[in-house]
């Protein structure tokens, strides 16, 4: 059963979500944040990005539990409705997150594996030359991504909601 919680003046209202609302809510990635600055339609929002293990009971004794502050750039035609220091929710589509993982990790991994197999089997290169080739290929790939920054920023865009307007899904199974 799925429920939505909306907050209004510290009062919690629980209501059953329709199937279309569930589909919309599950198709996005949310992060709570604070508005850092506003310049025209450009809003900079600071979020606290936590690793999956940050909620673990043993995180104080573990070196892998980390959190990082990130600044997210959001272009919003209603930027004047936000205030510096205001609590907001930054969200993007789930498909955008998948595409970012493909570009940042999956494609470079495939390029690396293909290059190593080709260089060792087909080109009869030594291991050191194959590794150097991987470095060159990845350098060119990531420089290409950097060069396409303007185009990618249009593909990977974020939206804002005021914190009190955000709905949260609870999965009760």
N, C-alpha and C. Protein backbone atom coordinates (compact mmCIF):
# COMPACT_ATOMS: atom_id res chain seq x y z
N UNK A 1 0.85 -1.17 0.00
CA UNK A 1 0.00 0.00 0.00
C UNK A 1 0.89 1.23 0.00
N UNK A 2 0.57 2.24 -0.75
CA UNK A 2 1.39 3.44 -0.87
C UNK A 2 0.63 4.64 -0.32
N UNK A 3 1.32 5.44 0.48
CA UNK A 3 0.72 6.64 1.05
C UNK A 3 1.62 7.83 0.75
N UNK A 4 1.02 8.99 0.65
CA UNK A 4 1.78 10.23 0.49
C UNK A 4 1.65 11.04 1.76
N UNK A 5 2.70 11.72 2.12
CA UNK A 5 2.66 12.59 3.30
C UNK A 5 2.98 13.99 2.83
N UNK A 6 2.10 14.91 3.12
CA UNK A 6 2.41 16.30 2.82
C UNK A 6 2.39 17.07 4.13
N UNK A 7 3.32 18.00 4.26
CA UNK A 7 3.41 18.75 5.51
C UNK A 7 2.86 20.14 5.31
N UNK A 8 2.06 20.58 6.23
CA UNK A 8 1.52 21.93 6.22
C UNK A 8 1.52 22.42 7.66
N UNK A 9 2.32 23.44 7.95
CA UNK A 9 2.41 24.01 9.30
C UNK A 9 2.61 22.93 10.37
N UNK A 10 3.58 22.04 10.12
CA UNK A 10 3.95 20.97 11.04
C UNK A 10 2.82 19.99 11.30
N UNK A 11 1.80 19.96 10.47
CA UNK A 11 0.72 18.99 10.59
C UNK A 11 0.88 18.00 9.45
N UNK A 12 0.85 16.73 9.76
CA UNK A 12 1.01 15.71 8.73
C UNK A 12 -0.35 15.24 8.24
N UNK A 13 -0.51 15.26 6.94
CA UNK A 13 -1.74 14.79 6.33
C UNK A 13 -1.38 13.57 5.51
N UNK A 14 -1.98 12.44 5.82
CA UNK A 14 -1.70 11.21 5.09
C UNK A 14 -2.88 10.94 4.18
N UNK A 15 -2.56 10.71 2.90
CA UNK A 15 -3.62 10.41 1.96
C UNK A 15 -3.14 9.31 1.03
N UNK A 16 -4.06 8.52 0.55
CA UNK A 16 -3.72 7.46 -0.38
C UNK A 16 -3.48 8.08 -1.75
N UNK A 17 -2.37 7.68 -2.38
CA UNK A 17 -2.02 8.22 -3.68
C UNK A 17 -2.66 7.40 -4.79
N UNK A 18 -3.02 8.06 -5.85
CA UNK A 18 -3.53 7.35 -7.02
C UNK A 18 -2.37 6.66 -7.71
N UNK A 19 -2.66 5.72 -8.61
CA UNK A 19 -1.61 5.01 -9.34
C UNK A 19 -0.75 5.96 -10.15
N UNK A 20 -1.35 6.99 -10.75
CA UNK A 20 -0.56 7.94 -11.54
C UNK A 20 0.39 8.73 -10.65
N UNK A 21 -0.03 9.08 -9.44
CA UNK A 21 0.85 9.79 -8.51
C UNK A 21 2.02 8.91 -8.10
N UNK A 22 1.76 7.61 -7.88
CA UNK A 22 2.84 6.69 -7.52
C UNK A 22 3.86 6.62 -8.64
N UNK A 23 3.39 6.56 -9.87
CA UNK A 23 4.31 6.45 -11.01
C UNK A 23 5.16 7.71 -11.13
N UNK A 24 4.56 8.87 -10.91
CA UNK A 24 5.31 10.12 -10.99
C UNK A 24 6.34 10.19 -9.87
N UNK A 25 5.95 9.86 -8.65
CA UNK A 25 6.85 9.98 -7.53
C UNK A 25 8.02 9.00 -7.62
N UNK A 26 7.80 7.79 -8.14
CA UNK A 26 8.85 6.81 -8.25
C UNK A 26 9.79 7.11 -9.41
N UNK A 27 9.43 8.01 -10.29
CA UNK A 27 10.24 8.28 -11.47
C UNK A 27 11.17 9.47 -11.26
N UNK A 28 11.37 9.89 -10.03
CA UNK A 28 12.26 11.02 -9.80
C UNK A 28 13.17 10.79 -8.60
N UNK A 29 14.28 11.50 -8.61
CA UNK A 29 15.27 11.44 -7.54
C UNK A 29 15.21 12.78 -6.80
N UNK A 30 15.00 12.76 -5.49
CA UNK A 30 14.88 13.97 -4.69
C UNK A 30 16.07 14.14 -3.76
N UNK A 31 16.44 15.39 -3.52
CA UNK A 31 17.44 15.74 -2.52
C UNK A 31 16.96 16.99 -1.81
N UNK A 32 17.00 16.97 -0.48
CA UNK A 32 16.71 18.18 0.29
C UNK A 32 17.91 19.11 0.18
N UNK A 33 17.63 20.40 0.11
CA UNK A 33 18.72 21.36 -0.02
C UNK A 33 18.35 22.71 0.54
N UNK A 34 19.33 23.61 0.49
CA UNK A 34 19.16 24.98 0.97
C UNK A 34 19.60 25.91 -0.15
N UNK A 35 18.79 26.92 -0.44
CA UNK A 35 19.13 27.89 -1.48
C UNK A 35 20.34 28.68 -1.02
N UNK A 36 21.41 28.64 -1.83
CA UNK A 36 22.66 29.35 -1.53
C UNK A 36 22.66 30.76 -2.13
N UNK A 37 22.23 30.86 -3.40
CA UNK A 37 22.22 32.17 -4.06
C UNK A 37 21.22 32.15 -5.20
N UNK A 38 20.79 33.34 -5.57
CA UNK A 38 19.84 33.51 -6.68
C UNK A 38 20.35 34.65 -7.54
N UNK A 39 20.53 34.38 -8.83
CA UNK A 39 20.95 35.40 -9.79
C UNK A 39 20.06 35.27 -11.02
N UNK A 40 19.07 36.13 -11.13
CA UNK A 40 18.12 36.03 -12.25
C UNK A 40 17.33 34.74 -12.16
N UNK A 41 17.41 33.91 -13.20
CA UNK A 41 16.73 32.61 -13.21
C UNK A 41 17.60 31.48 -12.69
N UNK A 42 18.81 31.79 -12.26
CA UNK A 42 19.78 30.79 -11.81
C UNK A 42 19.76 30.70 -10.29
N UNK A 43 19.41 29.51 -9.79
CA UNK A 43 19.38 29.26 -8.35
C UNK A 43 20.44 28.23 -8.03
N UNK A 44 21.31 28.54 -7.07
CA UNK A 44 22.30 27.57 -6.60
C UNK A 44 21.80 26.99 -5.29
N UNK A 45 21.73 25.66 -5.25
CA UNK A 45 21.19 24.96 -4.09
C UNK A 45 22.27 24.04 -3.53
N UNK A 46 22.51 24.12 -2.22
CA UNK A 46 23.47 23.23 -1.56
C UNK A 46 22.73 22.01 -1.06
N UNK A 47 23.21 20.83 -1.47
CA UNK A 47 22.63 19.59 -0.97
C UNK A 47 23.70 18.82 -0.23
N UNK A 48 23.29 17.93 0.64
CA UNK A 48 24.19 17.05 1.35
C UNK A 48 24.03 15.68 0.73
N UNK A 49 25.04 15.25 -0.03
CA UNK A 49 24.99 13.95 -0.70
C UNK A 49 25.60 12.93 0.24
N UNK A 50 24.81 11.94 0.63
CA UNK A 50 25.27 10.93 1.57
C UNK A 50 25.43 9.59 0.86
N UNK A 51 26.44 8.84 1.26
CA UNK A 51 26.60 7.50 0.70
C UNK A 51 25.50 6.61 1.27
N UNK A 52 25.32 5.46 0.65
CA UNK A 52 24.25 4.55 1.07
C UNK A 52 24.44 4.07 2.50
N UNK A 53 25.66 4.03 2.97
CA UNK A 53 25.91 3.51 4.32
C UNK A 53 25.87 4.61 5.38
N UNK A 54 25.50 5.84 5.02
CA UNK A 54 25.50 6.92 6.00
C UNK A 54 24.44 6.72 7.09
N UNK A 55 23.44 5.89 6.82
CA UNK A 55 22.40 5.63 7.82
C UNK A 55 22.74 4.43 8.69
N UNK A 56 23.88 3.81 8.44
CA UNK A 56 24.29 2.60 9.17
C UNK A 56 24.63 2.93 10.62
N UNK A 57 24.33 2.01 11.52
CA UNK A 57 24.62 2.20 12.94
C UNK A 57 26.11 2.26 13.22
N UNK A 58 26.94 1.61 12.40
CA UNK A 58 28.38 1.53 12.64
C UNK A 58 29.16 2.57 11.85
N UNK A 59 28.51 3.60 11.33
CA UNK A 59 29.20 4.55 10.46
C UNK A 59 30.32 5.31 11.17
N UNK A 60 30.23 5.50 12.48
CA UNK A 60 31.27 6.22 13.20
C UNK A 60 32.59 5.44 13.21
N UNK A 61 32.52 4.14 13.10
CA UNK A 61 33.72 3.31 13.12
C UNK A 61 34.15 2.87 11.73
N UNK A 62 33.48 3.34 10.72
CA UNK A 62 33.72 2.88 9.36
C UNK A 62 34.30 4.02 8.53
N UNK A 63 35.34 3.74 7.78
CA UNK A 63 35.97 4.77 6.96
C UNK A 63 35.21 5.03 5.66
N UNK A 64 34.33 4.12 5.26
CA UNK A 64 33.66 4.27 3.97
C UNK A 64 32.40 5.13 4.03
N UNK A 65 31.88 5.39 5.22
CA UNK A 65 30.68 6.22 5.34
C UNK A 65 31.06 7.68 5.16
N UNK A 66 30.54 8.30 4.10
CA UNK A 66 30.91 9.69 3.86
C UNK A 66 29.72 10.49 3.36
N UNK A 67 29.79 11.77 3.61
CA UNK A 67 28.82 12.71 3.07
C UNK A 67 29.59 13.87 2.47
N UNK A 68 29.03 14.44 1.41
CA UNK A 68 29.68 15.55 0.72
C UNK A 68 28.64 16.62 0.44
N UNK A 69 29.07 17.86 0.57
CA UNK A 69 28.21 18.97 0.18
C UNK A 69 28.41 19.22 -1.31
N UNK A 70 27.32 19.39 -2.03
CA UNK A 70 27.37 19.67 -3.47
C UNK A 70 26.52 20.90 -3.74
N UNK A 71 26.94 21.67 -4.73
CA UNK A 71 26.14 22.81 -5.19
C UNK A 71 25.51 22.40 -6.52
N UNK A 72 24.19 22.48 -6.58
CA UNK A 72 23.44 22.13 -7.78
C UNK A 72 22.93 23.41 -8.42
N UNK A 73 23.16 23.54 -9.72
CA UNK A 73 22.66 24.70 -10.47
C UNK A 73 21.29 24.37 -11.03
N UNK A 74 20.33 25.22 -10.74
CA UNK A 74 18.96 25.03 -11.22
C UNK A 74 18.53 26.32 -11.91
N UNK A 75 18.02 26.19 -13.13
CA UNK A 75 17.46 27.34 -13.83
C UNK A 75 15.95 27.25 -13.73
N UNK A 76 15.35 28.26 -13.14
CA UNK A 76 13.91 28.25 -12.86
C UNK A 76 13.33 29.61 -13.21
N UNK A 77 12.27 29.62 -14.02
CA UNK A 77 11.62 30.88 -14.39
C UNK A 77 10.97 31.58 -13.19
N UNK A 78 10.76 30.83 -12.10
CA UNK A 78 10.15 31.39 -10.90
C UNK A 78 11.18 31.51 -9.78
N UNK A 79 12.42 31.78 -10.14
CA UNK A 79 13.50 31.87 -9.15
C UNK A 79 13.23 32.96 -8.12
N UNK A 80 12.51 34.00 -8.50
CA UNK A 80 12.22 35.09 -7.56
C UNK A 80 11.29 34.67 -6.43
N UNK A 81 10.66 33.49 -6.53
CA UNK A 81 9.78 33.02 -5.46
C UNK A 81 10.56 32.32 -4.34
N UNK A 82 11.86 32.10 -4.54
CA UNK A 82 12.71 31.46 -3.53
C UNK A 82 13.54 32.51 -2.82
N UNK A 83 13.99 32.19 -1.62
CA UNK A 83 14.83 33.09 -0.82
C UNK A 83 16.10 32.37 -0.41
N UNK A 84 17.19 33.10 -0.29
CA UNK A 84 18.45 32.52 0.18
C UNK A 84 18.24 31.97 1.58
N UNK A 85 18.70 30.74 1.81
CA UNK A 85 18.53 30.08 3.10
C UNK A 85 17.27 29.24 3.19
N UNK A 86 16.40 29.31 2.19
CA UNK A 86 15.14 28.57 2.21
C UNK A 86 15.39 27.08 1.96
N UNK A 87 14.64 26.24 2.68
CA UNK A 87 14.70 24.79 2.48
C UNK A 87 13.90 24.44 1.24
N UNK A 88 14.52 23.68 0.32
CA UNK A 88 13.86 23.28 -0.92
C UNK A 88 14.16 21.81 -1.20
N UNK A 89 13.46 21.28 -2.19
CA UNK A 89 13.73 19.93 -2.69
C UNK A 89 14.17 20.08 -4.13
N UNK A 90 15.37 19.56 -4.43
CA UNK A 90 15.89 19.53 -5.79
C UNK A 90 15.58 18.15 -6.33
N UNK A 91 15.03 18.08 -7.54
CA UNK A 91 14.74 16.76 -8.09
C UNK A 91 15.06 16.69 -9.57
N UNK A 92 15.33 15.48 -9.97
CA UNK A 92 15.58 15.17 -11.37
C UNK A 92 14.90 13.87 -11.69
N UNK A 93 14.83 13.54 -12.96
CA UNK A 93 14.16 12.31 -13.34
C UNK A 93 15.08 11.11 -13.10
N UNK A 94 14.47 9.98 -12.80
CA UNK A 94 15.22 8.76 -12.58
C UNK A 94 15.99 8.36 -13.84
N UNK A 95 15.40 8.59 -15.01
CA UNK A 95 16.08 8.25 -16.26
C UNK A 95 17.33 9.12 -16.45
N UNK A 96 17.29 10.34 -15.96
CA UNK A 96 18.46 11.21 -16.03
C UNK A 96 19.60 10.62 -15.20
N UNK A 97 19.27 10.07 -14.05
CA UNK A 97 20.28 9.42 -13.21
C UNK A 97 20.88 8.21 -13.89
N UNK A 98 20.04 7.41 -14.54
CA UNK A 98 20.54 6.24 -15.27
C UNK A 98 21.46 6.67 -16.40
N UNK A 99 21.08 7.70 -17.14
CA UNK A 99 21.92 8.19 -18.24
C UNK A 99 23.26 8.70 -17.73
N UNK A 100 23.26 9.35 -16.59
CA UNK A 100 24.52 9.84 -16.01
C UNK A 100 25.42 8.67 -15.64
N UNK A 101 24.85 7.60 -15.09
CA UNK A 101 25.65 6.42 -14.76
C UNK A 101 26.22 5.79 -16.02
N UNK A 102 25.43 5.73 -17.08
CA UNK A 102 25.93 5.19 -18.36
C UNK A 102 27.12 6.01 -18.85
N UNK A 103 26.97 7.33 -18.87
CA UNK A 103 28.03 8.20 -19.39
C UNK A 103 29.27 8.18 -18.51
N UNK A 104 29.10 8.16 -17.20
CA UNK A 104 30.23 8.28 -16.30
C UNK A 104 30.93 6.95 -16.03
N UNK A 105 30.20 5.84 -16.07
CA UNK A 105 30.79 4.57 -15.66
C UNK A 105 30.69 3.45 -16.70
N UNK A 106 29.49 3.21 -17.23
CA UNK A 106 29.29 2.05 -18.09
C UNK A 106 30.04 2.17 -19.41
N UNK A 107 29.91 3.28 -20.10
CA UNK A 107 30.59 3.46 -21.39
C UNK A 107 32.11 3.42 -21.22
N UNK A 108 32.69 4.11 -20.22
CA UNK A 108 34.14 3.99 -20.03
C UNK A 108 34.59 2.56 -19.71
N UNK A 109 33.78 1.83 -18.95
CA UNK A 109 34.11 0.44 -18.64
C UNK A 109 34.14 -0.40 -19.91
N UNK A 110 33.12 -0.25 -20.75
CA UNK A 110 33.06 -1.00 -22.01
C UNK A 110 34.25 -0.61 -22.90
N UNK A 111 34.55 0.68 -23.01
CA UNK A 111 35.70 1.12 -23.80
C UNK A 111 37.00 0.50 -23.29
N UNK A 112 37.15 0.45 -21.98
CA UNK A 112 38.35 -0.13 -21.38
C UNK A 112 38.48 -1.61 -21.72
N UNK A 113 37.41 -2.36 -21.53
CA UNK A 113 37.45 -3.80 -21.79
C UNK A 113 37.70 -4.08 -23.27
N UNK A 114 36.98 -3.37 -24.14
CA UNK A 114 37.15 -3.58 -25.59
C UNK A 114 38.58 -3.26 -26.00
N UNK A 115 39.12 -2.14 -25.52
CA UNK A 115 40.49 -1.76 -25.89
C UNK A 115 41.51 -2.79 -25.40
N UNK A 116 41.38 -3.26 -24.17
CA UNK A 116 42.34 -4.24 -23.64
C UNK A 116 42.27 -5.54 -24.44
N UNK A 117 41.08 -6.01 -24.73
CA UNK A 117 40.94 -7.24 -25.52
C UNK A 117 41.53 -7.05 -26.91
N UNK A 118 41.18 -5.95 -27.57
CA UNK A 118 41.72 -5.70 -28.92
C UNK A 118 43.23 -5.54 -28.91
N UNK A 119 43.76 -4.78 -27.95
CA UNK A 119 45.19 -4.51 -27.95
C UNK A 119 46.01 -5.75 -27.62
N UNK A 120 45.51 -6.60 -26.74
CA UNK A 120 46.25 -7.81 -26.38
C UNK A 120 46.06 -8.94 -27.39
N UNK A 121 44.86 -9.12 -27.91
CA UNK A 121 44.57 -10.24 -28.81
C UNK A 121 44.83 -9.91 -30.28
N UNK A 122 44.31 -8.78 -30.73
CA UNK A 122 44.37 -8.46 -32.16
C UNK A 122 45.63 -7.70 -32.55
N UNK A 123 46.06 -6.76 -31.71
CA UNK A 123 47.21 -5.92 -32.06
C UNK A 123 48.51 -6.44 -31.46
N UNK A 124 48.44 -7.49 -30.66
CA UNK A 124 49.61 -8.11 -30.01
C UNK A 124 50.47 -7.09 -29.28
N UNK A 125 49.83 -6.17 -28.60
CA UNK A 125 50.55 -5.16 -27.82
C UNK A 125 50.89 -5.75 -26.46
N UNK A 126 51.89 -5.19 -25.79
CA UNK A 126 52.21 -5.59 -24.44
C UNK A 126 51.22 -5.01 -23.45
N UNK A 127 51.26 -5.51 -22.23
CA UNK A 127 50.32 -5.05 -21.20
C UNK A 127 50.49 -3.57 -20.89
N UNK A 128 51.75 -3.14 -20.83
CA UNK A 128 52.01 -1.74 -20.51
C UNK A 128 51.46 -0.81 -21.60
N UNK A 129 51.63 -1.20 -22.85
CA UNK A 129 51.09 -0.40 -23.96
C UNK A 129 49.57 -0.40 -23.93
N UNK A 130 48.96 -1.53 -23.60
CA UNK A 130 47.50 -1.62 -23.52
C UNK A 130 46.97 -0.70 -22.43
N UNK A 131 47.64 -0.69 -21.28
CA UNK A 131 47.21 0.17 -20.17
C UNK A 131 47.39 1.64 -20.55
N UNK A 132 48.49 1.97 -21.20
CA UNK A 132 48.70 3.35 -21.65
C UNK A 132 47.61 3.75 -22.64
N UNK A 133 47.22 2.82 -23.52
CA UNK A 133 46.14 3.08 -24.47
C UNK A 133 44.82 3.34 -23.78
N UNK A 134 44.56 2.61 -22.70
CA UNK A 134 43.33 2.83 -21.92
C UNK A 134 43.34 4.25 -21.36
N UNK A 135 44.49 4.67 -20.85
CA UNK A 135 44.59 6.03 -20.32
C UNK A 135 44.29 7.08 -21.37
N UNK A 136 44.82 6.88 -22.57
CA UNK A 136 44.58 7.83 -23.66
C UNK A 136 43.11 7.83 -24.07
N UNK A 137 42.54 6.65 -24.20
CA UNK A 137 41.12 6.53 -24.60
C UNK A 137 40.22 7.21 -23.57
N UNK A 138 40.46 6.95 -22.28
CA UNK A 138 39.62 7.56 -21.24
C UNK A 138 39.83 9.06 -21.17
N UNK A 139 41.05 9.52 -21.37
CA UNK A 139 41.32 10.95 -21.39
C UNK A 139 40.54 11.63 -22.51
N UNK A 140 40.58 11.05 -23.70
CA UNK A 140 39.85 11.61 -24.84
C UNK A 140 38.34 11.55 -24.57
N UNK A 141 37.86 10.45 -24.01
CA UNK A 141 36.42 10.31 -23.72
C UNK A 141 35.95 11.39 -22.74
N UNK A 142 36.65 11.53 -21.61
CA UNK A 142 36.21 12.50 -20.61
C UNK A 142 36.41 13.94 -21.07
N UNK A 143 37.45 14.20 -21.87
CA UNK A 143 37.58 15.53 -22.46
C UNK A 143 36.42 15.82 -23.42
N UNK A 144 35.99 14.80 -24.15
CA UNK A 144 34.82 14.95 -25.02
C UNK A 144 33.56 15.28 -24.23
N UNK A 145 33.37 14.60 -23.10
CA UNK A 145 32.22 14.91 -22.24
C UNK A 145 32.32 16.35 -21.73
N UNK A 146 33.50 16.76 -21.32
CA UNK A 146 33.69 18.12 -20.83
C UNK A 146 33.40 19.14 -21.93
N UNK A 147 33.83 18.83 -23.16
CA UNK A 147 33.58 19.74 -24.28
C UNK A 147 32.09 19.86 -24.60
N UNK A 148 31.33 18.82 -24.29
CA UNK A 148 29.88 18.83 -24.54
C UNK A 148 29.10 19.32 -23.33
N UNK A 149 29.76 20.02 -22.42
CA UNK A 149 29.14 20.47 -21.17
C UNK A 149 27.85 21.25 -21.40
N UNK A 150 27.84 22.19 -22.34
CA UNK A 150 26.63 22.99 -22.58
C UNK A 150 25.48 22.12 -23.07
N UNK A 151 25.76 21.20 -23.96
CA UNK A 151 24.72 20.31 -24.47
C UNK A 151 24.21 19.37 -23.38
N UNK A 152 25.14 18.84 -22.58
CA UNK A 152 24.74 17.93 -21.51
C UNK A 152 23.97 18.65 -20.41
N UNK A 153 24.29 19.91 -20.16
CA UNK A 153 23.57 20.64 -19.11
C UNK A 153 22.10 20.84 -19.47
N UNK A 154 21.78 20.83 -20.76
CA UNK A 154 20.37 20.91 -21.17
C UNK A 154 19.68 19.56 -21.00
N UNK A 155 20.44 18.48 -21.15
CA UNK A 155 19.90 17.13 -20.98
C UNK A 155 19.72 16.80 -19.51
N UNK A 156 20.68 17.21 -18.69
CA UNK A 156 20.67 16.91 -17.26
C UNK A 156 20.28 18.17 -16.50
N UNK A 157 18.99 18.43 -16.41
CA UNK A 157 18.53 19.62 -15.70
C UNK A 157 17.74 19.20 -14.46
N UNK A 158 17.74 20.08 -13.48
CA UNK A 158 17.06 19.82 -12.21
C UNK A 158 15.94 20.82 -12.02
N UNK A 159 14.99 20.46 -11.15
CA UNK A 159 13.85 21.31 -10.83
C UNK A 159 13.79 21.52 -9.33
N UNK A 160 13.06 22.55 -8.93
CA UNK A 160 12.93 22.90 -7.51
C UNK A 160 11.48 22.86 -7.06
N UNK A 161 11.30 22.52 -5.80
CA UNK A 161 10.02 22.66 -5.10
C UNK A 161 10.32 23.24 -3.74
N UNK A 162 9.40 24.02 -3.24
CA UNK A 162 9.53 24.46 -1.85
C UNK A 162 9.34 23.23 -0.97
N UNK A 163 10.07 23.16 0.12
CA UNK A 163 10.09 21.96 0.95
C UNK A 163 8.69 21.55 1.42
N UNK A 164 7.85 22.46 1.80
CA UNK A 164 6.51 22.12 2.29
C UNK A 164 5.60 21.57 1.21
N UNK A 165 5.94 21.78 -0.06
CA UNK A 165 5.11 21.30 -1.15
C UNK A 165 5.47 19.89 -1.58
N UNK A 166 6.57 19.35 -1.07
CA UNK A 166 7.05 18.04 -1.50
C UNK A 166 6.21 16.93 -0.88
N UNK A 167 5.93 15.93 -1.64
CA UNK A 167 5.25 14.72 -1.13
C UNK A 167 6.27 13.60 -1.04
N UNK A 168 6.10 12.75 -0.05
CA UNK A 168 7.01 11.64 0.18
C UNK A 168 6.20 10.36 0.07
N UNK A 169 6.78 9.34 -0.55
CA UNK A 169 6.09 8.06 -0.65
C UNK A 169 6.62 7.11 0.41
N UNK A 170 5.72 6.49 1.11
CA UNK A 170 6.07 5.44 2.06
C UNK A 170 5.58 4.12 1.47
N UNK A 171 6.46 3.17 1.41
CA UNK A 171 6.06 1.85 0.92
C UNK A 171 5.78 0.96 2.11
N UNK A 172 4.54 0.61 2.32
CA UNK A 172 4.14 -0.31 3.38
C UNK A 172 3.79 -1.63 2.73
N UNK A 173 4.64 -2.59 2.91
CA UNK A 173 4.39 -3.90 2.26
C UNK A 173 4.27 -4.97 3.30
